[in-house]
N, C-alpha and C. Protein backbone atom coordinates (compact mmCIF):
# COMPACT_ATOMS: atom_id res chain seq x y z
N MET A 1 5.81 -33.41 -3.85
CA MET A 1 4.42 -32.90 -3.49
C MET A 1 3.52 -33.20 -4.39
N ASN A 2 2.15 -33.57 -4.15
CA ASN A 2 1.35 -33.51 -5.09
C ASN A 2 0.26 -32.29 -5.00
N LEU A 3 0.36 -31.20 -5.78
CA LEU A 3 -0.51 -30.10 -5.37
C LEU A 3 -1.67 -30.52 -5.85
N HIS A 4 -2.17 -31.54 -6.91
CA HIS A 4 -3.51 -31.46 -7.47
C HIS A 4 -4.39 -32.36 -6.27
N ARG A 5 -3.80 -32.96 -5.36
CA ARG A 5 -4.91 -33.84 -4.14
C ARG A 5 -4.59 -32.74 -3.03
N ALA A 6 -4.15 -31.66 -3.07
CA ALA A 6 -4.01 -30.92 -1.64
C ALA A 6 -5.45 -30.11 -1.31
N LYS A 7 -5.77 -29.91 0.00
CA LYS A 7 -7.12 -28.99 0.33
C LYS A 7 -6.57 -27.72 -0.27
N PRO A 8 -7.44 -26.86 -0.33
CA PRO A 8 -7.11 -25.61 -0.38
C PRO A 8 -6.01 -24.92 0.40
N GLY A 9 -6.10 -24.85 1.92
CA GLY A 9 -5.58 -24.45 2.77
C GLY A 9 -3.94 -25.04 2.45
N GLU A 10 -3.85 -26.35 2.32
CA GLU A 10 -2.71 -27.13 1.91
C GLU A 10 -1.98 -27.16 0.72
N LEU A 11 -2.83 -26.62 -0.13
CA LEU A 11 -2.06 -25.95 -1.51
C LEU A 11 -1.57 -24.52 -1.24
N ASP A 12 -2.24 -23.93 -0.73
CA ASP A 12 -1.33 -22.68 -0.54
C ASP A 12 -0.55 -22.59 0.40
N GLN A 13 -0.42 -23.52 1.54
CA GLN A 13 0.89 -23.64 2.10
C GLN A 13 2.05 -24.48 1.46
N GLN A 14 1.53 -25.12 0.38
CA GLN A 14 2.76 -25.76 -0.47
C GLN A 14 3.10 -25.17 -1.59
N LEU A 15 2.39 -24.08 -1.75
CA LEU A 15 2.74 -23.12 -2.91
C LEU A 15 3.82 -21.59 -2.49
N TRP A 16 3.04 -21.94 -1.15
CA TRP A 16 4.03 -20.69 -0.37
C TRP A 16 5.40 -21.35 0.29
N ALA A 17 5.81 -22.75 0.50
CA ALA A 17 6.83 -22.99 0.90
C ALA A 17 7.68 -23.14 -0.50
N ARG A 18 7.08 -23.14 -1.77
CA ARG A 18 7.87 -23.53 -3.01
C ARG A 18 8.16 -21.84 -3.08
N ALA A 19 7.17 -20.54 -3.09
CA ALA A 19 7.52 -19.74 -3.18
C ALA A 19 8.81 -19.24 -2.47
N CYS A 20 8.55 -19.64 -1.19
CA CYS A 20 9.74 -19.06 -0.12
C CYS A 20 11.28 -19.69 -0.81
N LEU A 21 11.21 -20.62 -1.55
CA LEU A 21 12.51 -21.31 -2.11
C LEU A 21 12.67 -20.47 -3.24
N GLY A 22 11.94 -19.80 -3.62
CA GLY A 22 12.07 -18.92 -4.82
C GLY A 22 11.62 -19.43 -6.06
N GLU A 23 10.65 -20.29 -6.31
CA GLU A 23 9.55 -20.90 -7.29
C GLU A 23 8.91 -19.48 -7.49
N LYS A 24 9.21 -18.71 -8.74
CA LYS A 24 8.12 -17.85 -9.36
C LYS A 24 6.78 -18.11 -9.53
N ASP A 25 6.90 -19.67 -10.13
CA ASP A 25 5.70 -20.12 -10.68
C ASP A 25 4.50 -20.27 -9.50
N SER A 26 5.18 -20.78 -8.55
CA SER A 26 4.38 -20.77 -7.20
C SER A 26 3.76 -19.76 -6.52
N PHE A 27 4.76 -18.62 -6.82
CA PHE A 27 4.07 -17.38 -6.10
C PHE A 27 3.06 -16.71 -7.11
N GLU A 28 3.15 -16.74 -8.28
CA GLU A 28 2.30 -16.63 -8.89
C GLU A 28 0.94 -17.00 -8.90
N ALA A 29 0.94 -18.43 -8.65
CA ALA A 29 -0.41 -19.23 -8.64
C ALA A 29 -1.06 -18.69 -7.26
N LEU A 30 -0.29 -18.20 -6.26
CA LEU A 30 -0.57 -17.93 -5.01
C LEU A 30 -1.28 -16.30 -5.15
N ALA A 31 -0.57 -15.63 -5.78
CA ALA A 31 -1.01 -14.31 -6.07
C ALA A 31 -2.46 -14.33 -7.04
N GLN A 32 -2.58 -15.23 -7.84
CA GLN A 32 -4.01 -15.34 -8.89
C GLN A 32 -4.88 -16.12 -7.93
N ARG A 33 -4.83 -17.01 -7.16
CA ARG A 33 -5.68 -17.42 -6.22
C ARG A 33 -6.30 -16.42 -5.08
N HIS A 34 -5.45 -15.64 -4.76
CA HIS A 34 -5.74 -14.64 -3.69
C HIS A 34 -6.12 -13.34 -3.96
N TYR A 35 -5.79 -12.65 -5.07
CA TYR A 35 -5.58 -11.32 -5.78
C TYR A 35 -7.43 -10.71 -5.53
N GLY A 36 -8.73 -11.55 -6.06
CA GLY A 36 -9.89 -10.86 -5.57
C GLY A 36 -10.04 -10.85 -4.04
N ARG A 37 -9.67 -11.47 -3.27
CA ARG A 37 -9.84 -11.46 -1.81
C ARG A 37 -9.16 -10.32 -1.18
N VAL A 38 -8.05 -10.34 -1.51
CA VAL A 38 -7.04 -9.06 -0.86
C VAL A 38 -7.59 -8.01 -1.70
N LEU A 39 -8.06 -7.62 -2.90
CA LEU A 39 -8.82 -6.66 -3.30
C LEU A 39 -10.14 -6.02 -2.52
N CYS A 40 -10.78 -7.27 -2.37
CA CYS A 40 -12.23 -6.92 -1.67
C CYS A 40 -11.76 -6.27 -0.32
N ARG A 41 -10.93 -6.77 0.57
CA ARG A 41 -10.63 -6.70 1.74
C ARG A 41 -10.25 -5.25 1.72
N ALA A 42 -9.22 -4.99 1.15
CA ALA A 42 -8.29 -3.50 0.84
C ALA A 42 -9.48 -2.69 0.79
N ARG A 43 -10.32 -2.65 -0.33
CA ARG A 43 -11.25 -1.87 -0.42
C ARG A 43 -12.11 -1.64 0.91
N ALA A 44 -12.68 -2.60 1.32
CA ALA A 44 -13.26 -2.62 2.37
C ALA A 44 -12.49 -1.72 3.73
N LEU A 45 -11.21 -1.79 4.08
CA LEU A 45 -10.34 -1.14 4.60
C LEU A 45 -10.20 0.42 4.13
N LEU A 46 -10.18 0.99 3.20
CA LEU A 46 -9.75 1.81 2.71
C LEU A 46 -10.83 2.70 2.21
N GLY A 47 -12.06 2.12 1.57
CA GLY A 47 -13.35 2.75 0.92
C GLY A 47 -13.11 3.21 -0.12
N SER A 48 -11.84 2.94 -0.92
CA SER A 48 -11.63 3.44 -2.21
C SER A 48 -11.13 2.42 -3.37
N ALA A 49 -12.03 2.09 -4.12
CA ALA A 49 -11.42 1.11 -5.18
C ALA A 49 -10.49 1.28 -5.82
N GLY A 50 -9.95 2.50 -6.25
CA GLY A 50 -8.63 2.84 -6.80
C GLY A 50 -7.39 2.77 -5.83
N ARG A 51 -7.50 3.22 -4.66
CA ARG A 51 -6.52 2.92 -3.82
C ARG A 51 -6.32 1.31 -3.39
N ALA A 52 -7.43 0.78 -3.07
CA ALA A 52 -7.25 -0.64 -2.94
C ALA A 52 -6.63 -1.45 -3.99
N GLU A 53 -6.64 -0.98 -5.48
CA GLU A 53 -6.16 -1.74 -6.56
C GLU A 53 -4.52 -1.65 -6.30
N GLU A 54 -4.20 0.04 -6.05
CA GLU A 54 -2.71 0.13 -5.70
C GLU A 54 -1.99 -0.76 -4.43
N VAL A 55 -2.99 -0.84 -3.38
CA VAL A 55 -2.65 -1.59 -2.35
C VAL A 55 -2.37 -3.01 -2.59
N THR A 56 -3.25 -3.44 -3.15
CA THR A 56 -3.31 -4.87 -3.47
C THR A 56 -2.06 -5.01 -4.29
N GLN A 57 -1.62 -4.52 -5.05
CA GLN A 57 -0.56 -4.53 -5.69
C GLN A 57 0.56 -4.53 -4.89
N ASP A 58 0.73 -3.65 -4.15
CA ASP A 58 1.79 -3.38 -3.03
C ASP A 58 2.08 -4.86 -1.93
N VAL A 59 0.89 -5.07 -1.62
CA VAL A 59 0.74 -6.48 -0.89
C VAL A 59 1.58 -7.41 -1.51
N PHE A 60 1.19 -7.69 -2.90
CA PHE A 60 1.67 -9.00 -3.60
C PHE A 60 3.09 -8.69 -3.96
N LEU A 61 3.77 -7.60 -4.13
CA LEU A 61 4.90 -6.98 -4.31
C LEU A 61 5.83 -7.33 -3.16
N ARG A 62 5.34 -7.02 -2.13
CA ARG A 62 6.02 -7.03 -0.71
C ARG A 62 6.30 -8.23 -0.14
N LEU A 63 5.08 -9.21 -0.47
CA LEU A 63 5.35 -10.58 -0.10
C LEU A 63 5.98 -11.00 -0.98
N TYR A 64 6.28 -11.01 -2.62
CA TYR A 64 7.07 -11.50 -3.37
C TYR A 64 8.47 -11.09 -2.84
N ARG A 65 8.76 -9.93 -2.65
CA ARG A 65 10.19 -9.54 -2.09
C ARG A 65 10.71 -10.06 -0.46
N THR A 66 9.64 -10.47 0.30
CA THR A 66 10.19 -11.32 1.27
C THR A 66 10.03 -12.47 1.59
N ALA A 67 9.35 -13.33 0.43
CA ALA A 67 9.11 -14.48 0.76
C ALA A 67 10.41 -15.31 1.18
N LYS A 68 11.65 -14.80 0.72
CA LYS A 68 13.10 -15.74 0.76
C LYS A 68 13.37 -15.57 2.23
N HIS A 69 12.73 -14.58 3.09
CA HIS A 69 13.06 -14.39 4.61
C HIS A 69 12.19 -15.27 5.30
N TYR A 70 11.23 -15.96 4.46
CA TYR A 70 10.53 -17.23 5.26
C TYR A 70 10.69 -18.55 5.29
N ASP A 71 10.56 -19.25 6.02
CA ASP A 71 11.05 -20.63 5.70
C ASP A 71 9.87 -21.52 5.39
N GLY A 72 8.66 -20.66 4.91
CA GLY A 72 7.57 -21.91 4.24
C GLY A 72 6.89 -22.47 5.21
N ARG A 73 7.29 -22.44 6.33
CA ARG A 73 6.07 -23.04 7.61
C ARG A 73 5.33 -21.94 8.08
N THR A 74 5.57 -20.85 8.37
CA THR A 74 4.46 -19.96 8.56
C THR A 74 3.43 -19.83 7.78
N PRO A 75 2.25 -20.00 8.05
CA PRO A 75 0.98 -19.99 7.45
C PRO A 75 1.11 -18.79 6.37
N PHE A 76 0.55 -19.40 4.82
CA PHE A 76 0.64 -18.04 4.05
C PHE A 76 -0.60 -17.22 4.25
N ALA A 77 -1.71 -17.74 4.78
CA ALA A 77 -2.72 -16.95 5.41
C ALA A 77 -2.50 -15.87 6.16
N PHE A 78 -1.75 -16.13 7.10
CA PHE A 78 -0.92 -15.11 8.30
C PHE A 78 -0.10 -14.05 7.65
N CYS A 79 0.72 -14.83 6.83
CA CYS A 79 1.68 -13.51 6.35
C CYS A 79 0.99 -12.80 5.43
N LEU A 80 0.12 -13.19 4.71
CA LEU A 80 -0.76 -12.45 3.77
C LEU A 80 -1.60 -11.50 4.59
N SER A 81 -2.35 -11.78 5.57
CA SER A 81 -2.88 -10.78 6.37
C SER A 81 -2.18 -9.94 6.99
N VAL A 82 -1.01 -10.28 7.62
CA VAL A 82 -0.33 -9.22 8.35
C VAL A 82 0.41 -8.00 7.23
N VAL A 83 0.75 -8.71 6.06
CA VAL A 83 1.04 -7.58 4.83
C VAL A 83 -0.15 -6.98 4.40
N LEU A 84 -1.27 -7.32 4.42
CA LEU A 84 -2.41 -6.62 4.12
C LEU A 84 -2.71 -5.22 4.91
N HIS A 85 -2.73 -5.60 5.99
CA HIS A 85 -3.03 -4.87 6.98
C HIS A 85 -1.99 -3.91 7.50
N ARG A 86 -0.78 -4.23 7.10
CA ARG A 86 0.16 -3.13 7.32
C ARG A 86 0.49 -2.19 6.46
N VAL A 87 0.05 -2.62 4.99
CA VAL A 87 0.15 -1.98 3.78
C VAL A 87 -1.08 -1.10 3.90
N CYS A 88 -2.25 -1.25 4.16
CA CYS A 88 -3.15 -0.57 4.24
C CYS A 88 -3.49 0.49 5.77
N ALA A 89 -2.83 0.03 6.75
CA ALA A 89 -2.40 1.02 7.81
C ALA A 89 -1.71 1.94 7.06
N ASN A 90 -0.31 1.96 6.48
CA ASN A 90 0.54 2.59 6.06
C ASN A 90 -0.41 3.65 5.11
N ALA A 91 -1.21 3.26 4.00
CA ALA A 91 -1.96 4.01 3.13
C ALA A 91 -2.56 5.07 3.81
N LYS A 92 -3.35 4.36 5.00
CA LYS A 92 -4.13 5.70 5.70
C LYS A 92 -3.61 6.43 6.08
N ARG A 93 -2.50 6.35 7.10
CA ARG A 93 -1.56 7.20 7.30
C ARG A 93 -1.04 8.06 6.24
N ASN A 94 -0.63 7.58 5.25
CA ASN A 94 0.35 8.22 4.21
C ASN A 94 -1.13 9.49 3.48
N ASP A 95 -2.33 8.84 3.33
CA ASP A 95 -3.49 9.56 3.04
C ASP A 95 -3.90 10.59 3.86
N ALA A 96 -3.58 10.49 5.00
CA ALA A 96 -3.94 11.37 6.09
C ALA A 96 -3.07 12.19 6.35
N ARG A 97 -1.98 11.84 6.23
CA ARG A 97 -0.90 13.25 6.15
C ARG A 97 -0.83 13.94 4.57
N GLU A 98 -1.43 13.66 3.98
CA GLU A 98 -1.51 13.85 2.54
C GLU A 98 -2.57 15.12 2.77
N ALA A 99 -3.61 14.87 3.21
CA ALA A 99 -4.84 15.80 3.46
C ALA A 99 -4.50 16.73 4.30
N ARG A 100 -3.56 16.38 5.31
CA ARG A 100 -3.51 17.48 6.14
C ARG A 100 -2.65 18.73 5.57
N ARG A 101 -1.42 17.96 4.53
CA ARG A 101 -0.74 19.15 3.80
C ARG A 101 -1.54 20.02 3.07
N ARG A 102 -2.33 19.11 2.32
CA ARG A 102 -2.91 20.09 1.41
C ARG A 102 -3.86 21.04 2.23
N LEU A 103 -4.61 20.67 3.50
CA LEU A 103 -5.34 21.58 3.96
C LEU A 103 -4.61 22.74 4.51
N GLU A 104 -3.46 22.37 5.06
CA GLU A 104 -2.38 23.60 5.50
C GLU A 104 -2.11 24.43 4.38
N LEU A 105 -1.86 23.90 3.23
CA LEU A 105 -1.37 24.73 1.84
C LEU A 105 -2.35 25.60 1.64
N ALA A 106 -3.88 24.84 1.54
CA ALA A 106 -5.05 25.83 1.08
C ALA A 106 -5.27 26.77 2.06
N THR A 107 -5.17 26.61 3.44
CA THR A 107 -5.22 27.72 4.34
C THR A 107 -4.36 28.72 4.65
N TYR A 108 -2.96 28.39 4.15
CA TYR A 108 -2.07 29.09 4.10
C TYR A 108 -2.14 30.13 2.81
N THR A 109 -2.44 29.60 1.78
CA THR A 109 -2.55 30.64 0.64
C THR A 109 -3.66 31.38 0.41
N HIS A 110 -4.73 31.24 1.38
CA HIS A 110 -5.95 31.79 1.50
C HIS A 110 -5.87 32.80 2.59
N THR A 111 -5.11 32.72 3.61
CA THR A 111 -5.08 33.61 4.67
C THR A 111 -3.73 34.80 4.31
N GLN A 112 -2.73 34.19 3.75
CA GLN A 112 -1.63 35.07 3.82
C GLN A 112 -1.23 35.44 2.21
N LYS A 113 -0.60 36.57 1.90
CA LYS A 113 -0.15 37.04 0.44
C LYS A 113 1.15 36.15 0.35
N PRO A 114 1.41 35.71 -0.66
CA PRO A 114 2.41 35.18 -1.11
C PRO A 114 3.75 36.06 -1.01
N ALA A 115 4.84 35.54 -0.40
CA ALA A 115 6.38 36.54 -0.41
C ALA A 115 6.16 37.38 -0.99
N ILE A 116 6.17 37.24 -2.54
CA ILE A 116 6.57 38.27 -3.78
C ILE A 116 5.55 39.34 -3.89
N LEU A 117 4.16 38.94 -3.31
CA LEU A 117 3.53 40.30 -3.23
C LEU A 117 3.52 40.86 -2.13
N ARG A 118 4.04 40.23 -0.72
CA ARG A 118 4.51 41.16 0.18
C ARG A 118 5.38 42.03 -0.09
N CYS A 119 6.84 41.64 -0.64
CA CYS A 119 8.14 42.25 -1.13
C CYS A 119 7.50 43.42 -1.97
N ALA A 120 6.70 43.27 -2.98
CA ALA A 120 6.17 44.33 -3.80
C ALA A 120 5.38 45.23 -3.30
N SER A 121 4.64 44.94 -2.58
CA SER A 121 3.74 45.67 -1.77
C SER A 121 4.46 46.52 -0.58
N SER A 122 5.44 46.36 0.01
CA SER A 122 6.43 47.09 1.08
C SER A 122 7.44 47.87 0.28
N SER A 123 7.76 47.45 -1.09
CA SER A 123 8.60 48.37 -1.62
C SER A 123 7.77 49.55 -2.40
N ALA A 124 6.58 49.19 -2.98
CA ALA A 124 5.93 50.21 -3.43
C ALA A 124 5.46 51.18 -2.19
N SER A 125 5.03 50.77 -0.97
CA SER A 125 4.95 51.99 -0.17
C SER A 125 6.07 52.30 0.07
N ALA A 126 7.25 52.21 0.05
CA ALA A 126 8.38 52.64 0.66
C ALA A 126 8.99 53.84 -0.80
N ASN A 127 8.50 53.38 -1.90
CA ASN A 127 8.83 54.71 -3.10
C ASN A 127 8.03 55.67 -2.90
N SER A 128 6.34 55.47 -2.37
CA SER A 128 5.51 56.34 -2.37
C SER A 128 6.08 57.60 -1.33
N VAL A 129 6.61 57.18 -0.58
CA VAL A 129 6.96 58.26 0.81
C VAL A 129 7.70 59.26 0.28
């Protein structure tokens, strides 16, 4: 394969085919070529630059770990897009779950006395009788 004469999409596909065979250098080249675009897309989907950075790293980590399961013929752009959207969807779902948990915790602590205070006040009432 002559990587220097390939068109951009063909180059990605050639690098992807080699990455699927376990060539780390090929995967690193793909990651370098696409990192900025994935980061921008993740930022657009998530609305947070910091969260987008985490997600972008996770996208490439997942692609690297699963590359051996692909035969190299599946278009890299498709694989990248699928992984990116799944990781972003998971991040949104996890963020929403965490926000609900924090809200429930804040609501609970503001509306009810902690158990230790309830026990202390009920024993003080019993002692005063």
